[in-house]
Protein backbone atom coordinates (compact mmCIF):
# COMPACT_ATOMS: atom_id res chain seq x y z
CA MET A 1 0.00 0.00 0.00
CA TYR A 2 2.86 2.38 0.88
CA ASN A 3 4.62 1.70 -2.41
CA SER A 4 1.41 2.18 -4.42
CA LEU A 5 0.32 5.42 -2.75
CA ILE A 6 3.58 7.12 -1.83
CA VAL A 7 6.11 5.86 -4.35
CA VAL A 8 4.03 5.21 -7.48
CA LEU A 9 1.04 7.58 -7.27
CA GLY A 10 2.99 10.07 -5.15
CA SER A 11 5.50 10.53 -7.95
CA LEU A 12 2.84 11.75 -10.39
CA PRO A 13 2.35 15.46 -11.09
CA ASP A 14 -0.07 17.34 -8.81
CA ASP A 15 -2.57 17.90 -11.62
CA THR A 16 -2.93 14.16 -12.39
CA LYS A 17 -6.62 13.29 -12.15
CA VAL A 18 -7.66 10.45 -9.86
CA TYR A 19 -10.79 8.43 -10.59
CA CYS A 20 -11.74 6.06 -7.79
CA GLY A 21 -13.52 2.77 -8.41
CA HIS A 22 -16.12 3.43 -5.70
CA GLU A 23 -17.51 6.63 -4.26
CA TYR A 24 -16.40 6.81 -0.65
CA THR A 25 -15.40 10.47 -0.54
CA ALA A 26 -17.68 11.57 2.32
CA SER A 27 -16.86 8.62 4.58
CA ASN A 28 -13.14 8.83 3.78
CA LEU A 29 -13.11 12.54 4.61
CA LYS A 30 -14.94 11.85 7.88
CA PHE A 31 -12.25 9.31 8.82
CA ALA A 32 -9.47 11.70 7.76
CA ALA A 33 -10.93 14.40 10.02
CA SER A 34 -10.93 11.98 12.94
CA VAL A 35 -7.15 11.49 12.68
CA GLU A 36 -6.14 14.95 11.50
CA PRO A 37 -8.78 17.44 12.71
CA GLU A 38 -6.53 20.50 12.39
CA ASN A 39 -5.80 20.00 8.66
CA GLU A 40 -7.20 23.11 6.98
CA ALA A 41 -7.03 21.62 3.47
CA LEU A 42 -9.09 18.69 4.74
CA GLN A 43 -11.69 20.98 6.28
CA GLU A 44 -11.99 22.84 2.97
CA LYS A 45 -12.40 19.54 1.09
CA ILE A 46 -15.15 18.43 3.50
CA LYS A 47 -16.95 21.74 2.91
CA TRP A 48 -16.52 21.36 -0.85
CA ALA A 49 -17.70 17.73 -0.88
CA SER A 50 -20.85 18.59 1.06
CA GLN A 51 -21.83 21.00 -1.72
CA GLN A 52 -21.20 18.58 -4.60
CA ARG A 53 -23.35 16.09 -6.37
CA GLN A 54 -20.22 14.46 -7.78
CA THR A 55 -16.80 14.36 -6.12
CA ILE A 56 -14.89 12.53 -8.84
CA PRO A 57 -12.25 13.15 -10.10
CA SER A 58 -9.79 14.35 -7.53
CA THR A 59 -6.13 15.15 -8.23
CA ILE A 60 -2.88 13.79 -6.82
CA GLY A 61 -2.11 17.27 -5.48
CA ASP A 62 -5.43 17.41 -3.62
CA GLU A 63 -4.97 13.89 -2.27
CA ARG A 64 -1.56 14.88 -0.89
CA ASN A 65 -3.28 17.65 1.07
CA PHE A 66 -6.10 15.71 2.72
CA ASN A 67 -5.76 11.93 2.24
CA PRO A 68 -4.17 10.59 5.44
CA PHE A 69 -2.78 7.58 3.59
CA MET A 70 -0.75 9.94 1.40
CA ARG A 71 0.33 12.04 4.41
CA VAL A 72 1.99 9.34 6.52
CA GLY A 73 5.12 11.45 7.01
CA GLU A 74 3.22 14.31 8.67
CA ASP A 75 3.76 14.90 12.39
CA SER A 76 0.01 15.18 12.96
CA LEU A 77 -0.53 11.63 11.70
CA LYS A 78 2.47 10.27 13.57
CA LYS A 79 0.91 11.74 16.70
CA ALA A 80 -2.55 10.34 15.88
CA THR A 81 -1.14 6.83 15.38
CA GLY A 82 1.64 6.87 17.97
CA LYS A 83 4.09 5.72 15.29
CA GLU A 84 7.13 7.37 13.70
CA ASP A 85 7.94 5.15 10.71
CA PRO A 86 5.71 6.12 7.74
CA ILE A 87 4.99 2.48 6.89
CA GLU A 88 3.90 1.82 10.48
CA VAL A 89 1.81 5.00 10.40
CA MET A 90 0.07 3.69 7.28
CA GLY A 91 -0.53 0.27 8.82
CA THR A 92 -2.01 1.80 11.94
CA LEU A 93 -4.17 4.17 9.90
CA ARG A 94 -5.45 1.19 7.89
CA GLU A 95 -6.43 -0.61 11.10
CA MET A 96 -8.07 2.56 12.42
CA LYS A 97 -10.01 2.96 9.17
CA ASN A 98 -11.09 -0.70 9.29
CA ASN A 99 -12.65 -0.06 12.70
CA PHE A 100 -13.97 3.46 12.01
CA LYS A 101 -17.71 3.96 12.24
């Protein structure tokens, strides 16, 4: 997962469009806010998504700003997970997301 999101997709230009296979934007943003509530870009995206009928596509640049799985090096997410290593941060976030309601 780390290689796919950080190394492969993370190397693409910011304006690369991202089309997800399923529409989980609102629930993913709700989870993201639970682990990084002070992220201003995330708060703006939540506001934007609530006003949209369609939230696809996104861009790699946007995802880098609000997707916690692409922000595993950020201190805020290290703090939220209690981990320092980005791969461990991602693994913990995945477990948190699995149990998020």
